All heavy atoms as atom14 arrays in JSON, in Angstrom:
{
  "sequence": "PYMLVLGEKEATDNKVAVRRQAKGDLGAMDIDQFIALVQ",
  "atom14_mask": [
    [1, 1, 1, 1, 1, 1, 1, 0, 0, 0, 0, 0, 0, 0],
    [1, 1, 1, 1, 1, 1, 1, 1, 1, 1, 1, 1, 0, 0],
    [1, 1, 1, 1, 1, 1, 1, 1, 0, 0, 0, 0, 0, 0],
    [1, 1, 1, 1, 1, 1, 1, 1, 0, 0, 0, 0, 0, 0],
    [1, 1, 1, 1, 1, 1, 1, 0, 0, 0, 0, 0, 0, 0],
    [1, 1, 1, 1, 1, 1, 1, 1, 0, 0, 0, 0, 0, 0],
    [1, 1, 1, 1, 0, 0, 0, 0, 0, 0, 0, 0, 0, 0],
    [1, 1, 1, 1, 1, 1, 1, 1, 1, 0, 0, 0, 0, 0],
    [1, 1, 1, 1, 1, 1, 1, 1, 1, 0, 0, 0, 0, 0],
    [1, 1, 1, 1, 1, 1, 1, 1, 1, 0, 0, 0, 0, 0],
    [1, 1, 1, 1, 1, 0, 0, 0, 0, 0, 0, 0, 0, 0],
    [1, 1, 1, 1, 1, 1, 1, 0, 0, 0, 0, 0, 0, 0],
    [1, 1, 1, 1, 1, 1, 1, 1, 0, 0, 0, 0, 0, 0],
    [1, 1, 1, 1, 1, 1, 1, 1, 0, 0, 0, 0, 0, 0],
    [1, 1, 1, 1, 1, 1, 1, 1, 1, 0, 0, 0, 0, 0],
    [1, 1, 1, 1, 1, 1, 1, 0, 0, 0, 0, 0, 0, 0],
    [1, 1, 1, 1, 1, 0, 0, 0, 0, 0, 0, 0, 0, 0],
    [1, 1, 1, 1, 1, 1, 1, 0, 0, 0, 0, 0, 0, 0],
    [1, 1, 1, 1, 1, 1, 1, 1, 1, 1, 1, 0, 0, 0],
    [1, 1, 1, 1, 1, 1, 1, 1, 1, 1, 1, 0, 0, 0],
    [1, 1, 1, 1, 1, 1, 1, 1, 1, 0, 0, 0, 0, 0],
    [1, 1, 1, 1, 1, 0, 0, 0, 0, 0, 0, 0, 0, 0],
    [1, 1, 1, 1, 1, 1, 1, 1, 1, 0, 0, 0, 0, 0],
    [1, 1, 1, 1, 0, 0, 0, 0, 0, 0, 0, 0, 0, 0],
    [1, 1, 1, 1, 1, 1, 1, 1, 0, 0, 0, 0, 0, 0],
    [1, 1, 1, 1, 1, 1, 1, 1, 0, 0, 0, 0, 0, 0],
    [1, 1, 1, 1, 0, 0, 0, 0, 0, 0, 0, 0, 0, 0],
    [1, 1, 1, 1, 1, 0, 0, 0, 0, 0, 0, 0, 0, 0],
    [1, 1, 1, 1, 1, 1, 1, 1, 0, 0, 0, 0, 0, 0],
    [1, 1, 1, 1, 1, 1, 1, 1, 0, 0, 0, 0, 0, 0],
    [1, 1, 1, 1, 1, 1, 1, 1, 0, 0, 0, 0, 0, 0],
    [1, 1, 1, 1, 1, 1, 1, 1, 0, 0, 0, 0, 0, 0],
    [1, 1, 1, 1, 1, 1, 1, 1, 1, 0, 0, 0, 0, 0],
    [1, 1, 1, 1, 1, 1, 1, 1, 1, 1, 1, 0, 0, 0],
    [1, 1, 1, 1, 1, 1, 1, 1, 0, 0, 0, 0, 0, 0],
    [1, 1, 1, 1, 1, 0, 0, 0, 0, 0, 0, 0, 0, 0],
    [1, 1, 1, 1, 1, 1, 1, 1, 0, 0, 0, 0, 0, 0],
    [1, 1, 1, 1, 1, 1, 1, 0, 0, 0, 0, 0, 0, 0],
    [1, 1, 1, 1, 1, 1, 1, 1, 1, 0, 0, 0, 0, 0]
  ],
  "atom14_positions": [
    [[274.08, 92.56, 103.93], [273.06, 93.06, 103.02], [272.27, 92.0, 102.25], [271.05, 92.09, 102.15], [273.86, 93.94, 102.03], [275.11, 94.31, 102.78], [275.42, 93.17, 103.66], [0.0, 0.0, 0.0], [0.0, 0.0, 0.0], [0.0, 0.0, 0.0], [0.0, 0.0, 0.0], [0.0, 0.0, 0.0], [0.0, 0.0, 0.0], [0.0, 0.0, 0.0]],
    [[272.94, 90.97, 101.72], [272.27, 89.97, 100.94], [272.48, 88.57, 101.5], [273.57, 88.25, 101.97], [272.75, 89.99, 99.48], [272.19, 91.08, 98.64], [272.95, 92.22, 98.34], [270.88, 90.99, 98.1], [272.42, 93.23, 97.57], [270.36, 92.01, 97.34], [271.13, 93.13, 97.05], [270.6, 94.13, 96.31], [0.0, 0.0, 0.0], [0.0, 0.0, 0.0]],
    [[271.41, 87.76, 101.42], [271.46, 86.33, 101.75], [271.07, 85.52, 100.5], [270.08, 85.91, 99.85], [270.54, 85.97, 102.9], [270.98, 86.48, 104.25], [269.68, 86.09, 105.46], [268.92, 87.71, 105.61], [0.0, 0.0, 0.0], [0.0, 0.0, 0.0], [0.0, 0.0, 0.0], [0.0, 0.0, 0.0], [0.0, 0.0, 0.0], [0.0, 0.0, 0.0]],
    [[271.76, 84.47, 100.26], [271.35, 83.51, 99.22], [271.02, 82.18, 99.88], [271.9, 81.53, 100.46], [272.48, 83.34, 98.2], [272.98, 84.61, 97.46], [274.05, 84.23, 96.46], [271.81, 85.32, 96.8], [0.0, 0.0, 0.0], [0.0, 0.0, 0.0], [0.0, 0.0, 0.0], [0.0, 0.0, 0.0], [0.0, 0.0, 0.0], [0.0, 0.0, 0.0]],
    [[269.74, 81.81, 99.87], [269.29, 80.57, 100.46], [269.29, 79.52, 99.35], [268.59, 79.66, 98.34], [267.88, 80.75, 101.07], [267.43, 79.42, 101.72], [267.86, 81.87, 102.09], [0.0, 0.0, 0.0], [0.0, 0.0, 0.0], [0.0, 0.0, 0.0], [0.0, 0.0, 0.0], [0.0, 0.0, 0.0], [0.0, 0.0, 0.0], [0.0, 0.0, 0.0]],
    [[270.05, 78.46, 99.56], [270.26, 77.45, 98.49], [269.84, 76.07, 98.99], [270.31, 75.56, 100.01], [271.72, 77.4, 98.1], [272.44, 78.71, 97.72], [273.86, 78.47, 97.3], [271.66, 79.37, 96.58], [0.0, 0.0, 0.0], [0.0, 0.0, 0.0], [0.0, 0.0, 0.0], [0.0, 0.0, 0.0], [0.0, 0.0, 0.0], [0.0, 0.0, 0.0]],
    [[268.87, 75.52, 98.23], [268.42, 74.18, 98.46], [268.59, 73.33, 97.23], [269.22, 73.76, 96.23], [0.0, 0.0, 0.0], [0.0, 0.0, 0.0], [0.0, 0.0, 0.0], [0.0, 0.0, 0.0], [0.0, 0.0, 0.0], [0.0, 0.0, 0.0], [0.0, 0.0, 0.0], [0.0, 0.0, 0.0], [0.0, 0.0, 0.0], [0.0, 0.0, 0.0]],
    [[268.02, 72.13, 97.23], [268.15, 71.25, 96.08], [267.51, 71.85, 94.83], [268.04, 71.7, 93.73], [267.57, 69.89, 96.38], [268.31, 69.11, 97.46], [267.72, 67.74, 97.73], [267.56, 66.99, 96.74], [267.37, 67.42, 98.89], [0.0, 0.0, 0.0], [0.0, 0.0, 0.0], [0.0, 0.0, 0.0], [0.0, 0.0, 0.0], [0.0, 0.0, 0.0]],
    [[266.41, 72.55, 94.99], [265.71, 73.11, 93.83], [266.6, 74.19, 93.17], [266.71, 74.25, 91.96], [264.36, 73.75, 94.26], [263.54, 74.28, 93.1], [262.18, 74.8, 93.56], [261.26, 75.13, 92.41], [261.85, 76.0, 91.42], [0.0, 0.0, 0.0], [0.0, 0.0, 0.0], [0.0, 0.0, 0.0], [0.0, 0.0, 0.0], [0.0, 0.0, 0.0]],
    [[267.22, 75.06, 94.0], [268.07, 76.13, 93.46], [269.25, 75.47, 92.7], [269.65, 75.95, 91.66], [268.58, 77.04, 94.57], [267.59, 78.04, 95.1], [266.51, 77.4, 96.0], [266.82, 76.36, 96.63], [265.4, 77.92, 96.08], [0.0, 0.0, 0.0], [0.0, 0.0, 0.0], [0.0, 0.0, 0.0], [0.0, 0.0, 0.0], [0.0, 0.0, 0.0]],
    [[269.82, 74.41, 93.29], [270.94, 73.73, 92.64], [270.54, 73.12, 91.31], [271.27, 73.21, 90.31], [271.49, 72.66, 93.58], [0.0, 0.0, 0.0], [0.0, 0.0, 0.0], [0.0, 0.0, 0.0], [0.0, 0.0, 0.0], [0.0, 0.0, 0.0], [0.0, 0.0, 0.0], [0.0, 0.0, 0.0], [0.0, 0.0, 0.0], [0.0, 0.0, 0.0]],
    [[269.34, 72.53, 91.27], [268.85, 71.92, 90.06], [268.6, 72.95, 88.98], [268.95, 72.78, 87.82], [267.57, 71.13, 90.33], [267.81, 70.14, 91.32], [267.04, 70.47, 89.05], [0.0, 0.0, 0.0], [0.0, 0.0, 0.0], [0.0, 0.0, 0.0], [0.0, 0.0, 0.0], [0.0, 0.0, 0.0], [0.0, 0.0, 0.0], [0.0, 0.0, 0.0]],
    [[268.0, 74.1, 89.39], [267.63, 75.15, 88.41], [268.8, 76.11, 88.15], [268.62, 77.05, 87.33], [266.43, 75.93, 88.95], [265.19, 75.09, 89.07], [265.15, 73.99, 88.47], [264.25, 75.48, 89.8], [0.0, 0.0, 0.0], [0.0, 0.0, 0.0], [0.0, 0.0, 0.0], [0.0, 0.0, 0.0], [0.0, 0.0, 0.0], [0.0, 0.0, 0.0]],
    [[269.9, 75.93, 88.84], [271.04, 76.87, 88.71], [270.66, 78.29, 89.03], [270.99, 79.24, 88.34], [271.65, 76.77, 87.29], [273.14, 77.1, 87.3], [273.82, 76.82, 88.28], [273.59, 77.7, 86.22], [0.0, 0.0, 0.0], [0.0, 0.0, 0.0], [0.0, 0.0, 0.0], [0.0, 0.0, 0.0], [0.0, 0.0, 0.0], [0.0, 0.0, 0.0]],
    [[269.89, 78.42, 90.16], [269.43, 79.74, 90.58], [269.8, 79.96, 92.03], [270.35, 79.08, 92.7], [267.92, 79.87, 90.44], [267.41, 79.91, 88.98], [265.91, 80.05, 88.92], [265.4, 80.15, 87.49], [265.87, 81.35, 86.79], [0.0, 0.0, 0.0], [0.0, 0.0, 0.0], [0.0, 0.0, 0.0], [0.0, 0.0, 0.0], [0.0, 0.0, 0.0]],
    [[269.52, 81.2, 92.53], [269.73, 81.52, 93.93], [268.44, 82.2, 94.43], [267.84, 83.02, 93.77], [270.95, 82.43, 94.14], [272.24, 81.69, 93.85], [270.88, 83.68, 93.29], [0.0, 0.0, 0.0], [0.0, 0.0, 0.0], [0.0, 0.0, 0.0], [0.0, 0.0, 0.0], [0.0, 0.0, 0.0], [0.0, 0.0, 0.0], [0.0, 0.0, 0.0]],
    [[268.02, 81.84, 95.67], [266.9, 82.5, 96.33], [267.45, 83.69, 97.12], [268.25, 83.49, 98.06], [266.16, 81.54, 97.24], [0.0, 0.0, 0.0], [0.0, 0.0, 0.0], [0.0, 0.0, 0.0], [0.0, 0.0, 0.0], [0.0, 0.0, 0.0], [0.0, 0.0, 0.0], [0.0, 0.0, 0.0], [0.0, 0.0, 0.0], [0.0, 0.0, 0.0]],
    [[267.06, 84.9, 96.76], [267.68, 86.11, 97.29], [266.84, 86.75, 98.37], [265.62, 86.92, 98.22], [267.91, 87.12, 96.17], [268.64, 88.35, 96.68], [268.69, 86.5, 95.02], [0.0, 0.0, 0.0], [0.0, 0.0, 0.0], [0.0, 0.0, 0.0], [0.0, 0.0, 0.0], [0.0, 0.0, 0.0], [0.0, 0.0, 0.0], [0.0, 0.0, 0.0]],
    [[267.45, 87.12, 99.49], [266.87, 87.92, 100.55], [267.68, 89.14, 100.74], [268.91, 89.08, 100.73], [266.75, 87.11, 101.84], [265.78, 85.98, 101.82], [265.76, 85.25, 103.14], [265.25, 86.1, 104.23], [263.99, 86.2, 104.56], [263.07, 85.51, 103.95], [263.58, 87.01, 105.56], [0.0, 0.0, 0.0], [0.0, 0.0, 0.0], [0.0, 0.0, 0.0]],
    [[267.03, 90.31, 100.9], [267.76, 91.59, 101.13], [267.53, 92.04, 102.57], [266.42, 91.97, 103.11], [267.24, 92.66, 100.16], [267.95, 94.01, 100.24], [269.41, 93.89, 99.8], [270.04, 95.13, 99.51], [270.8, 95.85, 100.39], [270.91, 95.4, 101.65], [271.37, 96.96, 100.05], [0.0, 0.0, 0.0], [0.0, 0.0, 0.0], [0.0, 0.0, 0.0]],
    [[268.59, 92.5, 103.2], [268.53, 93.0, 104.58], [267.37, 94.0, 104.72], [267.23, 94.94, 103.95], [269.85, 93.71, 104.91], [269.83, 94.54, 106.15], [269.88, 93.72, 107.43], [269.15, 94.04, 108.36], [270.68, 92.68, 107.48], [0.0, 0.0, 0.0], [0.0, 0.0, 0.0], [0.0, 0.0, 0.0], [0.0, 0.0, 0.0], [0.0, 0.0, 0.0]],
    [[266.49, 93.7, 105.65], [265.36, 94.58, 106.02], [264.27, 94.63, 104.96], [263.23, 95.29, 105.18], [265.81, 96.01, 106.33], [0.0, 0.0, 0.0], [0.0, 0.0, 0.0], [0.0, 0.0, 0.0], [0.0, 0.0, 0.0], [0.0, 0.0, 0.0], [0.0, 0.0, 0.0], [0.0, 0.0, 0.0], [0.0, 0.0, 0.0], [0.0, 0.0, 0.0]],
    [[264.42, 93.94, 103.82], [263.39, 93.92, 102.78], [262.75, 92.54, 102.6], [261.65, 92.46, 102.06], [263.98, 94.39, 101.44], [264.28, 95.91, 101.39], [264.71, 96.28, 100.0], [264.94, 97.8, 99.93], [265.37, 98.19, 98.54], [0.0, 0.0, 0.0], [0.0, 0.0, 0.0], [0.0, 0.0, 0.0], [0.0, 0.0, 0.0], [0.0, 0.0, 0.0]],
    [[263.46, 91.54, 103.02], [262.92, 90.19, 102.9], [263.22, 89.53, 101.58], [264.18, 89.84, 100.91], [0.0, 0.0, 0.0], [0.0, 0.0, 0.0], [0.0, 0.0, 0.0], [0.0, 0.0, 0.0], [0.0, 0.0, 0.0], [0.0, 0.0, 0.0], [0.0, 0.0, 0.0], [0.0, 0.0, 0.0], [0.0, 0.0, 0.0], [0.0, 0.0, 0.0]],
    [[262.29, 88.64, 101.17], [262.49, 87.75, 100.0], [262.35, 88.51, 98.73], [261.34, 89.18, 98.48], [261.46, 86.62, 100.11], [261.75, 85.48, 99.15], [262.73, 85.61, 98.37], [260.99, 84.5, 99.12], [0.0, 0.0, 0.0], [0.0, 0.0, 0.0], [0.0, 0.0, 0.0], [0.0, 0.0, 0.0], [0.0, 0.0, 0.0], [0.0, 0.0, 0.0]],
    [[263.36, 88.46, 97.85], [263.29, 89.04, 96.51], [263.04, 88.01, 95.44], [262.98, 88.36, 94.26], [264.62, 89.81, 96.2], [265.01, 90.94, 97.17], [266.25, 91.62, 96.62], [263.88, 91.93, 97.36], [0.0, 0.0, 0.0], [0.0, 0.0, 0.0], [0.0, 0.0, 0.0], [0.0, 0.0, 0.0], [0.0, 0.0, 0.0], [0.0, 0.0, 0.0]],
    [[262.9, 86.73, 95.82], [262.62, 85.67, 94.85], [263.86, 85.04, 94.27], [265.0, 85.38, 94.63], [0.0, 0.0, 0.0], [0.0, 0.0, 0.0], [0.0, 0.0, 0.0], [0.0, 0.0, 0.0], [0.0, 0.0, 0.0], [0.0, 0.0, 0.0], [0.0, 0.0, 0.0], [0.0, 0.0, 0.0], [0.0, 0.0, 0.0], [0.0, 0.0, 0.0]],
    [[263.65, 84.08, 93.38], [264.75, 83.34, 92.75], [265.28, 84.08, 91.57], [264.53, 84.74, 90.85], [264.24, 81.96, 92.34], [0.0, 0.0, 0.0], [0.0, 0.0, 0.0], [0.0, 0.0, 0.0], [0.0, 0.0, 0.0], [0.0, 0.0, 0.0], [0.0, 0.0, 0.0], [0.0, 0.0, 0.0], [0.0, 0.0, 0.0], [0.0, 0.0, 0.0]],
    [[266.62, 83.99, 91.38], [267.27, 84.68, 90.26], [268.34, 83.75, 89.66], [268.88, 82.89, 90.41], [267.97, 85.96, 90.73], [267.1, 87.03, 91.29], [268.13, 88.47, 91.7], [266.9, 89.47, 92.61], [0.0, 0.0, 0.0], [0.0, 0.0, 0.0], [0.0, 0.0, 0.0], [0.0, 0.0, 0.0], [0.0, 0.0, 0.0], [0.0, 0.0, 0.0]],
    [[268.68, 84.0, 88.4], [269.87, 83.37, 87.85], [271.07, 83.99, 88.56], [271.04, 85.14, 89.0], [269.98, 83.64, 86.34], [268.89, 82.92, 85.56], [268.43, 81.86, 86.0], [268.48, 83.47, 84.5], [0.0, 0.0, 0.0], [0.0, 0.0, 0.0], [0.0, 0.0, 0.0], [0.0, 0.0, 0.0], [0.0, 0.0, 0.0], [0.0, 0.0, 0.0]],
    [[272.16, 83.23, 88.66], [273.33, 83.74, 89.3], [273.86, 84.99, 88.61], [274.2, 85.98, 89.27], [274.44, 82.65, 89.36], [273.95, 81.44, 90.18], [275.74, 83.2, 89.98], [274.92, 80.26, 90.15], [0.0, 0.0, 0.0], [0.0, 0.0, 0.0], [0.0, 0.0, 0.0], [0.0, 0.0, 0.0], [0.0, 0.0, 0.0], [0.0, 0.0, 0.0]],
    [[273.85, 84.98, 87.29], [274.33, 86.18, 86.57], [273.45, 87.34, 86.83], [273.95, 88.51, 86.89], [274.36, 85.86, 85.06], [275.45, 84.89, 84.66], [276.35, 84.7, 85.5], [275.41, 84.34, 83.57], [0.0, 0.0, 0.0], [0.0, 0.0, 0.0], [0.0, 0.0, 0.0], [0.0, 0.0, 0.0], [0.0, 0.0, 0.0], [0.0, 0.0, 0.0]],
    [[272.16, 87.15, 86.97], [271.21, 88.22, 87.27], [271.5, 88.83, 88.66], [271.5, 90.04, 88.81], [269.76, 87.69, 87.22], [268.7, 88.74, 87.41], [267.31, 88.14, 87.44], [267.11, 86.95, 87.25], [266.31, 88.99, 87.68], [0.0, 0.0, 0.0], [0.0, 0.0, 0.0], [0.0, 0.0, 0.0], [0.0, 0.0, 0.0], [0.0, 0.0, 0.0]],
    [[271.76, 87.97, 89.63], [272.11, 88.42, 90.96], [273.42, 89.23, 90.97], [273.54, 90.31, 91.57], [272.19, 87.28, 91.94], [272.64, 87.68, 93.32], [271.82, 88.46, 94.13], [273.91, 87.35, 93.75], [272.27, 88.87, 95.4], [274.35, 87.72, 95.01], [273.52, 88.48, 95.85], [0.0, 0.0, 0.0], [0.0, 0.0, 0.0], [0.0, 0.0, 0.0]],
    [[274.41, 88.7, 90.26], [275.69, 89.39, 90.2], [275.54, 90.77, 89.6], [276.09, 91.77, 90.11], [276.72, 88.56, 89.38], [277.13, 87.3, 90.16], [277.96, 89.4, 89.01], [277.98, 86.33, 89.38], [0.0, 0.0, 0.0], [0.0, 0.0, 0.0], [0.0, 0.0, 0.0], [0.0, 0.0, 0.0], [0.0, 0.0, 0.0], [0.0, 0.0, 0.0]],
    [[274.72, 90.87, 88.53], [274.47, 92.17, 87.91], [273.76, 93.12, 88.87], [274.07, 94.33, 88.91], [273.65, 92.01, 86.64], [0.0, 0.0, 0.0], [0.0, 0.0, 0.0], [0.0, 0.0, 0.0], [0.0, 0.0, 0.0], [0.0, 0.0, 0.0], [0.0, 0.0, 0.0], [0.0, 0.0, 0.0], [0.0, 0.0, 0.0], [0.0, 0.0, 0.0]],
    [[272.84, 92.6, 89.69], [272.12, 93.4, 90.67], [273.1, 94.01, 91.69], [273.06, 95.22, 91.97], [271.07, 92.55, 91.39], [270.34, 93.19, 92.55], [269.38, 94.26, 92.09], [269.6, 92.11, 93.38], [0.0, 0.0, 0.0], [0.0, 0.0, 0.0], [0.0, 0.0, 0.0], [0.0, 0.0, 0.0], [0.0, 0.0, 0.0], [0.0, 0.0, 0.0]],
    [[273.98, 93.16, 92.2], [274.94, 93.64, 93.2], [275.91, 94.63, 92.57], [276.18, 95.67, 93.17], [275.7, 92.43, 93.81], [276.83, 92.92, 94.72], [274.75, 91.53, 94.6], [0.0, 0.0, 0.0], [0.0, 0.0, 0.0], [0.0, 0.0, 0.0], [0.0, 0.0, 0.0], [0.0, 0.0, 0.0], [0.0, 0.0, 0.0], [0.0, 0.0, 0.0]],
    [[276.42, 94.34, 91.42], [277.4, 95.24, 90.77], [276.8, 96.59, 90.44], [277.47, 97.6, 90.59], [277.96, 94.55, 89.54], [278.89, 93.35, 89.83], [279.39, 92.67, 88.61], [278.77, 92.75, 87.53], [280.51, 92.01, 88.7], [0.0, 0.0, 0.0], [0.0, 0.0, 0.0], [0.0, 0.0, 0.0], [0.0, 0.0, 0.0], [0.0, 0.0, 0.0]]
  ]
}
């Protein structure tokens, strides 16, 4: 369902680039924000 694409920018900003199955790119999020979305 979810992919987190992580590069140097995401590591520096402490974020995750989120992709959703069949929906594509959802943009960058804080890790806590992504966890809340999934939960």
